[in-house]
């Protein structure tokens, strides 16, 4: 979602102008942050920065800052930190998933190799940490705990649920760690570093956690339902790699005999193109897809409910629009 499209839905042109100017500053700072004395590192780091993306996390940071003083320079720095952190995780995720496409272009691991992709991600983490050092020890502590959750979420996903655990609940907890944590930090940083009061910081942190889970649930649905030219990545990537998504887990829990073939396919990675296409078609036509879509709506509704203590106005309206946007992405 671009700042422009968000602003066009807002009733306040001043907020649109403020966000547009701030996001331009974020873009400039992002490109400055990835520059290295070694040109090849700059090239590999720019690979995903130049590819664009939704910039969802820095946008949330800037919106949260509207409840304090959004003109403070540390707000832009915080927005850059959360986007650098996000980009770093994408480099690592693509290696783990053996992804070939990212944002409509060849992934870094496909263009170069796994080692370059991993080290580029590490470089971006380092640059984020360097900026954080100027934001104070509390910001560093929050980032460290966020990074801990990112790592734990990835490990939990890799290992899978323990014996007897509910696979759906395990999956939601993985999403909360892998995606919700950094989006929560985006809201927290924006509010905290703009000087908002502690109650507002807590509201926007909780909002970020809920909208983050909704956002990832929606992203997983888009991976199933869209074509590559729409999503910028190969459809059914998670299916191919045997990575569980909510729709797949719900389908796996079915007992109807007609689901037997789909359960058989979902129980394993699907490197074979014919089996992959079959599983994708079966899942697209399964009731589990609508159930997963409803879960995304529920999390978006929870995020909206978090906003109740905030003062009414353009900034709160824009956050509510983010809830609508997340749901609309699920088709």
C-alpha atoms as a PDB file:
ATOM      1  CA  UNK A   1       0.000   0.000   0.000  1.00  0.00           C
ATOM      2  CA  UNK A   2       1.539   3.297  -1.044  1.00  0.00           C
ATOM      3  CA  UNK A   3       1.414   6.435   1.031  1.00  0.00           C
ATOM      4  CA  UNK A   4      -0.399   8.067  -1.864  1.00  0.00           C
ATOM      5  CA  UNK A   5      -3.170   5.483  -1.947  1.00  0.00           C
ATOM      6  CA  UNK A   6      -3.573   5.701   1.819  1.00  0.00           C
ATOM      7  CA  UNK A   7      -3.659   9.482   1.668  1.00  0.00           C
ATOM      8  CA  UNK A   8      -6.257   9.471  -1.078  1.00  0.00           C
ATOM      9  CA  UNK A   9      -8.579   7.572   1.256  1.00  0.00           C
ATOM     10  CA  UNK A  10      -7.930   9.981   4.122  1.00  0.00           C
ATOM     11  CA  UNK A  11     -10.016  13.099   4.644  1.00  0.00           C
ATOM     12  CA  UNK A  12      -6.952  15.102   5.696  1.00  0.00           C
ATOM     13  CA  UNK A  13      -4.665  16.406   2.912  1.00  0.00           C
ATOM     14  CA  UNK A  14      -2.208  17.629   5.563  1.00  0.00           C
ATOM     15  CA  UNK A  15      -1.658  14.062   6.789  1.00  0.00           C
ATOM     16  CA  UNK A  16      -1.149  12.845   3.233  1.00  0.00           C
ATOM     17  CA  UNK A  17       1.424  15.576   2.595  1.00  0.00           C
ATOM     18  CA  UNK A  18       3.185  14.853   5.890  1.00  0.00           C
ATOM     19  CA  UNK A  19       3.390  11.104   5.209  1.00  0.00           C
ATOM     20  CA  UNK A  20       4.510  11.594   1.617  1.00  0.00           C
ATOM     21  CA  UNK A  21       7.345  13.906   2.684  1.00  0.00           C
ATOM     22  CA  UNK A  22       8.358  11.615   5.528  1.00  0.00           C
ATOM     23  CA  UNK A  23       8.375   8.499   3.332  1.00  0.00           C
ATOM     24  CA  UNK A  24      10.542  10.324   0.801  1.00  0.00           C
ATOM     25  CA  UNK A  25      12.977  11.014   3.625  1.00  0.00           C
ATOM     26  CA  UNK A  26      12.850   7.346   4.637  1.00  0.00           C
ATOM     27  CA  UNK A  27      13.614   6.247   1.060  1.00  0.00           C
ATOM     28  CA  UNK A  28      16.571   8.608   0.870  1.00  0.00           C
ATOM     29  CA  UNK A  29      17.909   7.437   4.221  1.00  0.00           C
ATOM     30  CA  UNK A  30      17.462   3.774   3.254  1.00  0.00           C
ATOM     31  CA  UNK A  31      19.622   4.240   0.183  1.00  0.00           C
ATOM     32  CA  UNK A  32      22.220   6.118   2.213  1.00  0.00           C
ATOM     33  CA  UNK A  33      22.243   3.417   4.895  1.00  0.00           C
ATOM     34  CA  UNK A  34      23.097   0.616   2.479  1.00  0.00           C
ATOM     35  CA  UNK A  35      26.113   2.321   0.933  1.00  0.00           C
ATOM     36  CA  UNK A  36      29.391   0.554   1.517  1.00  0.00           C
ATOM     37  CA  UNK A  37      33.010   1.294   0.650  1.00  0.00           C
ATOM     38  CA  UNK A  38      32.887  -2.029  -1.197  1.00  0.00           C
ATOM     39  CA  UNK A  39      30.631  -1.417  -4.246  1.00  0.00           C
ATOM     40  CA  UNK A  40      29.505  -5.035  -4.532  1.00  0.00           C
ATOM     41  CA  UNK A  41      27.969  -4.883  -1.037  1.00  0.00           C
ATOM     42  CA  UNK A  42      26.091  -1.743  -2.034  1.00  0.00           C
ATOM     43  CA  UNK A  43      24.841  -3.561  -5.131  1.00  0.00           C
ATOM     44  CA  UNK A  44      23.607  -6.632  -3.262  1.00  0.00           C
ATOM     45  CA  UNK A  45      22.026  -4.506  -0.532  1.00  0.00           C
ATOM     46  CA  UNK A  46      20.257  -2.301  -3.062  1.00  0.00           C
ATOM     47  CA  UNK A  47      18.766  -5.372  -4.737  1.00  0.00           C
ATOM     48  CA  UNK A  48      15.684  -5.453  -2.482  1.00  0.00           C
ATOM     49  CA  UNK A  49      15.657  -1.772  -1.526  1.00  0.00           C
ATOM     50  CA  UNK A  50      15.340  -0.828  -5.188  1.00  0.00           C
ATOM     51  CA  UNK A  51      12.668  -3.489  -5.729  1.00  0.00           C
ATOM     52  CA  UNK A  52      10.335  -1.374  -3.627  1.00  0.00           C
ATOM     53  CA  UNK A  53       7.709  -3.226  -1.645  1.00  0.00           C
ATOM     54  CA  UNK A  54       4.858  -2.009   0.491  1.00  0.00           C
ATOM     55  CA  UNK A  55       7.008  -0.218   3.104  1.00  0.00           C
ATOM     56  CA  UNK A  56       4.291  -1.267   5.545  1.00  0.00           C
ATOM     57  CA  UNK A  57       6.532  -1.141   8.605  1.00  0.00           C
ATOM     58  CA  UNK A  58       8.019   2.348   8.132  1.00  0.00           C
ATOM     59  CA  UNK A  59       4.566   3.640   7.192  1.00  0.00           C
ATOM     60  CA  UNK A  60       3.198   2.330  10.482  1.00  0.00           C
ATOM     61  CA  UNK A  61       6.107   3.975  12.325  1.00  0.00           C
ATOM     62  CA  UNK A  62       5.270   7.313  10.711  1.00  0.00           C
ATOM     63  CA  UNK A  63       1.554   6.953  11.446  1.00  0.00           C
ATOM     64  CA  UNK A  64       2.217   6.049  15.089  1.00  0.00           C
ATOM     65  CA  UNK A  65       4.411   9.151  15.365  1.00  0.00           C
ATOM     66  CA  UNK A  66       1.370  11.297  14.534  1.00  0.00           C
ATOM     67  CA  UNK A  67       0.290  10.813  18.155  1.00  0.00           C
ATOM     68  CA  UNK A  68       3.423  12.638  19.327  1.00  0.00           C
ATOM     69  CA  UNK A  69       5.699  14.987  17.403  1.00  0.00           C
ATOM     70  CA  UNK A  70       6.201  13.386  13.976  1.00  0.00           C
ATOM     71  CA  UNK A  71       8.813  15.972  12.968  1.00  0.00           C
ATOM     72  CA  UNK A  72      11.451  14.680  15.375  1.00  0.00           C
ATOM     73  CA  UNK A  73      14.422  13.323  13.371  1.00  0.00           C
ATOM     74  CA  UNK A  74      14.586  10.068  15.304  1.00  0.00           C
ATOM     75  CA  UNK A  75      11.199   9.087  13.846  1.00  0.00           C
ATOM     76  CA  UNK A  76      12.711   8.818  10.353  1.00  0.00           C
ATOM     77  CA  UNK A  77      15.668   6.894  11.776  1.00  0.00           C
ATOM     78  CA  UNK A  78      13.309   4.433  13.475  1.00  0.00           C
ATOM     79  CA  UNK A  79      11.368   3.932  10.238  1.00  0.00           C
ATOM     80  CA  UNK A  80      14.634   3.152   8.448  1.00  0.00           C
ATOM     81  CA  UNK A  81      15.647   0.694  11.182  1.00  0.00           C
ATOM     82  CA  UNK A  82      12.448  -1.369  10.931  1.00  0.00           C
ATOM     83  CA  UNK A  83      12.631  -1.517   7.126  1.00  0.00           C
ATOM     84  CA  UNK A  84      16.324  -2.496   7.145  1.00  0.00           C
ATOM     85  CA  UNK A  85      15.515  -5.213   9.667  1.00  0.00           C
ATOM     86  CA  UNK A  86      12.632  -6.453   7.539  1.00  0.00           C
ATOM     87  CA  UNK A  87      14.751  -6.493   4.379  1.00  0.00           C
ATOM     88  CA  UNK A  88      17.494  -8.390   6.180  1.00  0.00           C
ATOM     89  CA  UNK A  89      15.019 -11.115   7.162  1.00  0.00           C
ATOM     90  CA  UNK A  90      13.855 -11.388   3.542  1.00  0.00           C
ATOM     91  CA  UNK A  91      17.373 -12.200   2.363  1.00  0.00           C
ATOM     92  CA  UNK A  92      17.580 -14.948   4.970  1.00  0.00           C
ATOM     93  CA  UNK A  93      14.035 -16.229   4.335  1.00  0.00           C
ATOM     94  CA  UNK A  94      14.671 -16.611   0.622  1.00  0.00           C
ATOM     95  CA  UNK A  95      17.690 -18.784   1.362  1.00  0.00           C
ATOM     96  CA  UNK A  96      15.707 -21.009   3.715  1.00  0.00           C
ATOM     97  CA  UNK A  97      12.773 -21.235   1.296  1.00  0.00           C
ATOM     98  CA  UNK A  98      14.991 -21.606  -1.792  1.00  0.00           C
ATOM     99  CA  UNK A  99      12.851 -18.867  -3.347  1.00  0.00           C
ATOM    100  CA  UNK A 100      13.549 -17.857  -6.927  1.00  0.00           C
ATOM    101  CA  UNK A 101      11.554 -14.611  -7.019  1.00  0.00           C
ATOM    102  CA  UNK A 102      11.177 -11.696  -4.637  1.00  0.00           C
ATOM    103  CA  UNK A 103       9.109  -8.617  -5.519  1.00  0.00           C
ATOM    104  CA  UNK A 104       8.908  -9.641  -9.146  1.00  0.00           C
ATOM    105  CA  UNK A 105      12.658 -10.010  -9.632  1.00  0.00           C
ATOM    106  CA  UNK A 106      15.178 -12.784  -9.084  1.00  0.00           C
ATOM    107  CA  UNK A 107      15.864 -13.270  -5.389  1.00  0.00           C
ATOM    108  CA  UNK A 108      19.372 -12.457  -4.164  1.00  0.00           C
ATOM    109  CA  UNK A 109      20.181 -16.124  -3.605  1.00  0.00           C
ATOM    110  CA  UNK A 110      19.070 -16.924  -7.159  1.00  0.00           C
ATOM    111  CA  UNK A 111      20.968 -13.991  -8.670  1.00  0.00           C
ATOM    112  CA  UNK A 112      24.159 -14.613  -6.695  1.00  0.00           C
ATOM    113  CA  UNK A 113      24.217 -17.474  -4.183  1.00  0.00           C
ATOM    114  CA  UNK A 114      23.130 -18.393  -0.660  1.00  0.00           C
ATOM    115  CA  UNK A 115      26.286 -17.134   1.013  1.00  0.00           C
ATOM    116  CA  UNK A 116      26.003 -13.689  -0.573  1.00  0.00           C
ATOM    117  CA  UNK A 117      22.320 -13.471   0.361  1.00  0.00           C
ATOM    118  CA  UNK A 118      22.972 -14.440   3.989  1.00  0.00           C
ATOM    119  CA  UNK A 119      25.891 -12.046   4.372  1.00  0.00           C
ATOM    120  CA  UNK A 120      23.923  -9.209   2.783  1.00  0.00           C
ATOM    121  CA  UNK A 121      21.172  -9.788   5.307  1.00  0.00           C
ATOM    122  CA  UNK A 122      23.767  -9.671   8.081  1.00  0.00           C
ATOM    123  CA  UNK A 123      25.138  -6.415   6.657  1.00  0.00           C
ATOM    124  CA  UNK A 124      21.662  -4.841   6.791  1.00  0.00           C
ATOM    125  CA  UNK A 125      21.213  -5.989  10.388  1.00  0.00           C
ATOM    126  CA  UNK A 126      24.538  -4.312  11.186  1.00  0.00           C
ATOM    127  CA  UNK A 127      23.467  -1.060   9.548  1.00  0.00           C
ATOM    128  CA  UNK A 128      20.189  -1.106  11.468  1.00  0.00           C
ATOM    129  CA  UNK A 129      22.111  -1.600  14.711  1.00  0.00           C
ATOM    130  CA  UNK A 130      24.403   1.312  13.903  1.00  0.00           C
ATOM    131  CA  UNK A 131      21.419   3.649  13.502  1.00  0.00           C
ATOM    132  CA  UNK A 132      19.797   2.245  16.638  1.00  0.00           C
ATOM    133  CA  UNK A 133      22.814   3.147  18.728  1.00  0.00           C
ATOM    134  CA  UNK A 134      21.868   6.814  18.318  1.00  0.00           C
ATOM    135  CA  UNK A 135      18.262   6.200  19.376  1.00  0.00           C
ATOM    136  CA  UNK A 136      19.111   5.258  22.936  1.00  0.00           C
ATOM    137  CA  UNK A 137      19.460   2.124  25.067  1.00  0.00           C
ATOM    138  CA  UNK A 138      15.698   1.498  25.318  1.00  0.00           C
ATOM    139  CA  UNK A 139      15.371   1.383  21.529  1.00  0.00           C
ATOM    140  CA  UNK A 140      18.343  -0.994  21.363  1.00  0.00           C
ATOM    141  CA  UNK A 141      16.732  -3.221  24.003  1.00  0.00           C
ATOM    142  CA  UNK A 142      13.404  -3.295  22.151  1.00  0.00           C
ATOM    143  CA  UNK A 143      15.154  -4.184  18.896  1.00  0.00           C
ATOM    144  CA  UNK A 144      17.154  -6.946  20.588  1.00  0.00           C
ATOM    145  CA  UNK A 145      13.983  -8.497  21.993  1.00  0.00           C
ATOM    146  CA  UNK A 146      12.296  -8.171  18.612  1.00  0.00           C
ATOM    147  CA  UNK A 147      15.233  -9.905  16.947  1.00  0.00           C
ATOM    148  CA  UNK A 148      15.002 -12.652  19.555  1.00  0.00           C
ATOM    149  CA  UNK A 149      11.348 -13.204  18.645  1.00  0.00           C
ATOM    150  CA  UNK A 150      12.158 -13.208  14.925  1.00  0.00           C
ATOM    151  CA  UNK A 151      14.732 -15.944  15.483  1.00  0.00           C
ATOM    152  CA  UNK A 152      12.520 -17.996  17.804  1.00  0.00           C
ATOM    153  CA  UNK A 153       9.627 -17.760  15.357  1.00  0.00           C
ATOM    154  CA  UNK A 154      11.804 -19.061  12.538  1.00  0.00           C
ATOM    155  CA  UNK A 155      13.121 -21.902  14.706  1.00  0.00           C
ATOM    156  CA  UNK A 156       9.602 -22.818  15.842  1.00  0.00           C
ATOM    157  CA  UNK A 157       8.446 -22.921  12.237  1.00  0.00           C
ATOM    158  CA  UNK A 158      11.411 -25.063  11.220  1.00  0.00           C
ATOM    159  CA  UNK A 159      10.995 -27.544  14.087  1.00  0.00           C
ATOM    160  CA  UNK A 160       7.188 -27.653  13.974  1.00  0.00           C
ATOM    161  CA  UNK A 161       4.694 -28.119  16.821  1.00  0.00           C
ATOM    162  CA  UNK A 162       5.578 -30.410  19.688  1.00  0.00           C
ATOM    163  CA  UNK A 163       3.657 -33.664  20.105  1.00  0.00           C
ATOM    164  CA  UNK A 164       0.079 -33.021  21.146  1.00  0.00           C
ATOM    165  CA  UNK A 165       0.165 -29.294  20.334  1.00  0.00           C
ATOM    166  CA  UNK A 166      -2.532 -27.724  18.173  1.00  0.00           C
ATOM    167  CA  UNK A 167      -0.898 -27.097  14.769  1.00  0.00           C
ATOM    168  CA  UNK A 168      -3.131 -24.081  14.084  1.00  0.00           C
ATOM    169  CA  UNK A 169      -2.301 -22.428  17.407  1.00  0.00           C
ATOM    170  CA  UNK A 170       1.390 -23.174  16.869  1.00  0.00           C
ATOM    171  CA  UNK A 171       1.165 -21.558  13.450  1.00  0.00           C
ATOM    172  CA  UNK A 172      -0.440 -18.384  14.818  1.00  0.00           C
ATOM    173  CA  UNK A 173       2.293 -18.148  17.460  1.00  0.00           C
ATOM    174  CA  UNK A 174       4.921 -18.499  14.720  1.00  0.00           C
ATOM    175  CA  UNK A 175       3.298 -15.660  12.761  1.00  0.00           C
ATOM    176  CA  UNK A 176       3.151 -13.478  15.861  1.00  0.00           C
ATOM    177  CA  UNK A 177       6.903 -13.953  16.363  1.00  0.00           C
ATOM    178  CA  UNK A 178       8.038 -13.859  12.727  1.00  0.00           C
ATOM    179  CA  UNK A 179       5.837 -10.985  11.535  1.00  0.00           C
ATOM    180  CA  UNK A 180       3.812  -9.504  14.378  1.00  0.00           C
ATOM    181  CA  UNK A 181       6.858  -8.735  16.504  1.00  0.00           C
ATOM    182  CA  UNK A 182       8.549  -6.363  14.048  1.00  0.00           C
ATOM    183  CA  UNK A 183       5.304  -4.652  13.065  1.00  0.00           C
ATOM    184  CA  UNK A 184       4.540  -4.185  16.771  1.00  0.00           C
ATOM    185  CA  UNK A 185       7.990  -2.633  17.172  1.00  0.00           C
ATOM    186  CA  UNK A 186       7.258  -0.333  14.228  1.00  0.00           C
ATOM    187  CA  UNK A 187       4.258   1.095  16.056  1.00  0.00           C
ATOM    188  CA  UNK A 188       6.130   1.169  19.354  1.00  0.00           C
ATOM    189  CA  UNK A 189       9.108   3.038  17.918  1.00  0.00           C
ATOM    190  CA  UNK A 190       6.928   5.594  16.148  1.00  0.00           C
ATOM    191  CA  UNK A 191       4.948   6.411  19.263  1.00  0.00           C
ATOM    192  CA  UNK A 192       7.847   6.240  21.717  1.00  0.00           C
ATOM    193  CA  UNK A 193      10.361   8.223  19.679  1.00  0.00           C
ATOM    194  CA  UNK A 194       7.841  10.929  18.845  1.00  0.00           C
ATOM    195  CA  UNK A 195       7.281  11.528  22.553  1.00  0.00           C
ATOM    196  CA  UNK A 196       3.785  10.044  22.841  1.00  0.00           C
ATOM    197  CA  UNK A 197       2.621   9.095  26.343  1.00  0.00           C
ATOM    198  CA  UNK A 198       3.145   5.559  27.608  1.00  0.00           C
ATOM    199  CA  UNK A 199      -0.517   4.551  27.287  1.00  0.00           C
ATOM    200  CA  UNK A 200      -0.454   5.524  23.598  1.00  0.00           C
ATOM    201  CA  UNK A 201       2.800   3.633  23.076  1.00  0.00           C
ATOM    202  CA  UNK A 202       1.187   0.501  24.504  1.00  0.00           C
ATOM    203  CA  UNK A 203      -1.913   0.904  22.321  1.00  0.00           C
ATOM    204  CA  UNK A 204       0.129   1.230  19.147  1.00  0.00           C
ATOM    205  CA  UNK A 205       2.396  -1.665  20.090  1.00  0.00           C
ATOM    206  CA  UNK A 206      -0.612  -3.940  20.568  1.00  0.00           C
ATOM    207  CA  UNK A 207      -2.184  -2.633  17.364  1.00  0.00           C
ATOM    208  CA  UNK A 208       1.017  -3.485  15.492  1.00  0.00           C
ATOM    209  CA  UNK A 209       1.051  -7.036  16.837  1.00  0.00           C
ATOM    210  CA  UNK A 210      -2.552  -7.681  15.756  1.00  0.00           C
ATOM    211  CA  UNK A 211      -2.304  -6.029  12.359  1.00  0.00           C
ATOM    212  CA  UNK A 212       0.986  -7.853  11.833  1.00  0.00           C
ATOM    213  CA  UNK A 213      -0.615 -11.280  12.265  1.00  0.00           C
ATOM    214  CA  UNK A 214      -3.508 -10.222  10.020  1.00  0.00           C
ATOM    215  CA  UNK A 215      -1.013  -8.957   7.443  1.00  0.00           C
ATOM    216  CA  UNK A 216       0.878 -12.269   7.350  1.00  0.00           C
ATOM    217  CA  UNK A 217      -2.288 -14.352   7.208  1.00  0.00           C
ATOM    218  CA  UNK A 218      -3.361 -12.226   4.260  1.00  0.00           C
ATOM    219  CA  UNK A 219       0.059 -12.566   2.622  1.00  0.00           C
ATOM    220  CA  UNK A 220      -0.181 -16.347   2.864  1.00  0.00           C
ATOM    221  CA  UNK A 221      -3.607 -16.245   1.226  1.00  0.00           C
ATOM    222  CA  UNK A 222      -2.271 -14.053  -1.576  1.00  0.00           C
ATOM    223  CA  UNK A 223       0.467 -16.648  -2.133  1.00  0.00           C
ATOM    224  CA  UNK A 224      -2.265 -19.221  -2.763  1.00  0.00           C
ATOM    225  CA  UNK A 225      -4.772 -17.178  -4.726  1.00  0.00           C
ATOM    226  CA  UNK A 226      -2.766 -14.778  -6.895  1.00  0.00           C
ATOM    227  CA  UNK A 227      -0.687 -15.206  -9.989  1.00  0.00           C
ATOM    228  CA  UNK A 228       3.008 -14.246 -10.019  1.00  0.00           C
ATOM    229  CA  UNK A 229       2.442 -11.019 -11.938  1.00  0.00           C
ATOM    230  CA  UNK A 230       0.121  -9.856  -9.154  1.00  0.00           C
ATOM    231  CA  UNK A 231       2.082 -10.911  -6.079  1.00  0.00           C
ATOM    232  CA  UNK A 232       5.633 -10.519  -7.383  1.00  0.00           C
ATOM    233  CA  UNK A 233       6.557 -14.057  -6.376  1.00  0.00           C
ATOM    234  CA  UNK A 234       5.852 -17.557  -7.593  1.00  0.00           C
ATOM    235  CA  UNK A 235       2.353 -18.674  -6.492  1.00  0.00           C
ATOM    236  CA  UNK A 236       2.289 -21.519  -4.020  1.00  0.00           C
ATOM    237  CA  UNK A 237       5.872 -21.068  -2.875  1.00  0.00           C
ATOM    238  CA  UNK A 238       4.969 -22.240   0.626  1.00  0.00           C
ATOM    239  CA  UNK A 239       3.202 -25.286  -0.798  1.00  0.00           C
ATOM    240  CA  UNK A 240       6.206 -26.204  -2.908  1.00  0.00           C
ATOM    241  CA  UNK A 241       8.565 -26.009   0.065  1.00  0.00           C
ATOM    242  CA  UNK A 242       6.205 -27.815   2.447  1.00  0.00           C
ATOM    243  CA  UNK A 243       5.852 -24.727   4.652  1.00  0.00           C
ATOM    244  CA  UNK A 244       2.521 -24.801   6.502  1.00  0.00           C
ATOM    245  CA  UNK A 245       0.007 -21.987   6.092  1.00  0.00           C
ATOM    246  CA  UNK A 246      -3.279 -21.565   7.915  1.00  0.00           C
ATOM    247  CA  UNK A 247      -5.431 -22.661   4.964  1.00  0.00           C
ATOM    248  CA  UNK A 248      -3.323 -25.779   4.516  1.00  0.00           C
ATOM    249  CA  UNK A 249      -3.415 -26.639   8.210  1.00  0.00           C
ATOM    250  CA  UNK A 250      -7.199 -26.264   8.295  1.00  0.00           C
ATOM    251  CA  UNK A 251      -7.511 -28.475   5.214  1.00  0.00           C
ATOM    252  CA  UNK A 252      -5.193 -31.045   6.814  1.00  0.00           C
ATOM    253  CA  UNK A 253      -7.489 -31.245   9.845  1.00  0.00           C
ATOM    254  CA  UNK A 254     -10.510 -32.215   7.700  1.00  0.00           C
ATOM    255  CA  UNK A 255     -11.958 -35.707   7.894  1.00  0.00           C
ATOM    256  CA  UNK A 256     -14.029 -35.704   4.714  1.00  0.00           C
ATOM    257  CA  UNK A 257     -12.920 -38.483   2.378  1.00  0.00           C
ATOM    258  CA  UNK A 258     -12.837 -36.033  -0.511  1.00  0.00           C
ATOM    259  CA  UNK A 259      -9.967 -34.242   1.252  1.00  0.00           C
ATOM    260  CA  UNK A 260      -7.745 -37.322   1.296  1.00  0.00           C
ATOM    261  CA  UNK A 261      -5.792 -36.430  -1.834  1.00  0.00           C
ATOM    262  CA  UNK A 262      -5.206 -32.854  -0.682  1.00  0.00           C
ATOM    263  CA  UNK A 263      -4.046 -34.046   2.746  1.00  0.00           C
ATOM    264  CA  UNK A 264      -1.647 -36.456   1.047  1.00  0.00           C
ATOM    265  CA  UNK A 265      -0.173 -33.639  -1.033  1.00  0.00           C
ATOM    266  CA  UNK A 266       0.016 -31.140   1.838  1.00  0.00           C
ATOM    267  CA  UNK A 267       1.919 -33.608   4.014  1.00  0.00           C
ATOM    268  CA  UNK A 268       5.128 -33.146   2.007  1.00  0.00           C
ATOM    269  CA  UNK A 269       7.111 -30.652  -0.060  1.00  0.00           C
ATOM    270  CA  UNK A 270       5.986 -30.556  -3.696  1.00  0.00           C
ATOM    271  CA  UNK A 271       8.980 -30.132  -6.011  1.00  0.00           C
ATOM    272  CA  UNK A 272       7.085 -31.934  -8.775  1.00  0.00           C
ATOM    273  CA  UNK A 273       5.308 -29.332 -10.929  1.00  0.00           C
ATOM    274  CA  UNK A 274       2.271 -31.517 -11.628  1.00  0.00           C
ATOM    275  CA  UNK A 275       1.673 -32.330  -7.960  1.00  0.00           C
ATOM    276  CA  UNK A 276       2.262 -28.695  -7.006  1.00  0.00           C
ATOM    277  CA  UNK A 277      -0.328 -27.503  -9.554  1.00  0.00           C
ATOM    278  CA  UNK A 278      -2.789 -30.131  -8.354  1.00  0.00           C
ATOM    279  CA  UNK A 279      -2.402 -29.146  -4.698  1.00  0.00           C
ATOM    280  CA  UNK A 280      -2.725 -25.456  -5.521  1.00  0.00           C
ATOM    281  CA  UNK A 281      -5.932 -26.050  -7.477  1.00  0.00           C
ATOM    282  CA  UNK A 282      -7.429 -28.224  -4.730  1.00  0.00           C
ATOM    283  CA  UNK A 283      -6.574 -25.694  -2.018  1.00  0.00           C
ATOM    284  CA  UNK A 284      -7.961 -22.798  -4.032  1.00  0.00           C
ATOM    285  CA  UNK A 285     -11.286 -24.619  -4.217  1.00  0.00           C
ATOM    286  CA  UNK A 286     -11.354 -25.713  -0.562  1.00  0.00           C
ATOM    287  CA  UNK A 287     -13.507 -24.240   2.189  1.00  0.00           C
ATOM    288  CA  UNK A 288     -10.341 -23.890   4.293  1.00  0.00           C
ATOM    289  CA  UNK A 289      -9.444 -20.851   2.203  1.00  0.00           C
ATOM    290  CA  UNK A 290     -12.494 -18.914   3.401  1.00  0.00           C
ATOM    291  CA  UNK A 291     -11.903 -20.034   6.983  1.00  0.00           C
ATOM    292  CA  UNK A 292      -8.344 -18.693   6.819  1.00  0.00           C
ATOM    293  CA  UNK A 293      -9.656 -15.483   5.265  1.00  0.00           C
ATOM    294  CA  UNK A 294     -12.038 -15.092   8.199  1.00  0.00           C
ATOM    295  CA  UNK A 295      -9.135 -15.524  10.626  1.00  0.00           C
ATOM    296  CA  UNK A 296      -7.356 -12.631   8.876  1.00  0.00           C
ATOM    297  CA  UNK A 297     -10.522 -10.543   9.232  1.00  0.00           C
ATOM    298  CA  UNK A 298     -10.722 -11.409  12.931  1.00  0.00           C
ATOM    299  CA  UNK A 299      -7.154 -10.270  13.581  1.00  0.00           C
ATOM    300  CA  UNK A 300      -7.777  -7.075  11.605  1.00  0.00           C
ATOM    301  CA  UNK A 301     -10.907  -6.471  13.688  1.00  0.00           C
ATOM    302  CA  UNK A 302      -8.865  -6.990  16.866  1.00  0.00           C
ATOM    303  CA  UNK A 303      -6.351  -4.440  15.592  1.00  0.00           C
ATOM    304  CA  UNK A 304      -9.148  -1.950  14.934  1.00  0.00           C
ATOM    305  CA  UNK A 305     -10.525  -2.499  18.442  1.00  0.00           C
ATOM    306  CA  UNK A 306      -7.104  -1.652  19.893  1.00  0.00           C
ATOM    307  CA  UNK A 307      -7.443   1.876  18.508  1.00  0.00           C
ATOM    308  CA  UNK A 308     -10.464   2.767  20.640  1.00  0.00           C
ATOM    309  CA  UNK A 309      -8.466   4.702  23.313  1.00  0.00           C
ATOM    310  CA  UNK A 310      -6.794   6.916  20.697  1.00  0.00           C
ATOM    311  CA  UNK A 311      -8.218  10.351  19.892  1.00  0.00           C
ATOM    312  CA  UNK A 312     -10.357  10.534  16.774  1.00  0.00           C
ATOM    313  CA  UNK A 313      -8.766  12.210  13.798  1.00  0.00           C
ATOM    314  CA  UNK A 314      -6.934  11.658  10.549  1.00  0.00           C
ATOM    315  CA  UNK A 315      -4.137   9.530  12.040  1.00  0.00           C
ATOM    316  CA  UNK A 316      -6.547   7.113  13.706  1.00  0.00           C
ATOM    317  CA  UNK A 317      -8.618   7.001  10.503  1.00  0.00           C
ATOM    318  CA  UNK A 318      -5.492   6.061   8.552  1.00  0.00           C
ATOM    319  CA  UNK A 319      -4.719   3.224  10.966  1.00  0.00           C
ATOM    320  CA  UNK A 320      -8.277   1.974  10.533  1.00  0.00           C
ATOM    321  CA  UNK A 321      -7.709   2.053   6.768  1.00  0.00           C
ATOM    322  CA  UNK A 322      -4.739  -0.251   7.249  1.00  0.00           C
ATOM    323  CA  UNK A 323      -7.148  -2.783   8.779  1.00  0.00           C
ATOM    324  CA  UNK A 324      -9.390  -2.505   5.714  1.00  0.00           C
ATOM    325  CA  UNK A 325      -6.386  -2.823   3.406  1.00  0.00           C
ATOM    326  CA  UNK A 326      -5.183  -6.022   5.025  1.00  0.00           C
ATOM    327  CA  UNK A 327      -8.579  -7.669   4.635  1.00  0.00           C
ATOM    328  CA  UNK A 328      -9.021  -6.468   1.043  1.00  0.00           C
ATOM    329  CA  UNK A 329      -5.739  -8.138   0.045  1.00  0.00           C
ATOM    330  CA  UNK A 330      -7.177 -11.586   0.775  1.00  0.00           C
ATOM    331  CA  UNK A 331      -9.489 -11.417  -2.233  1.00  0.00           C
END
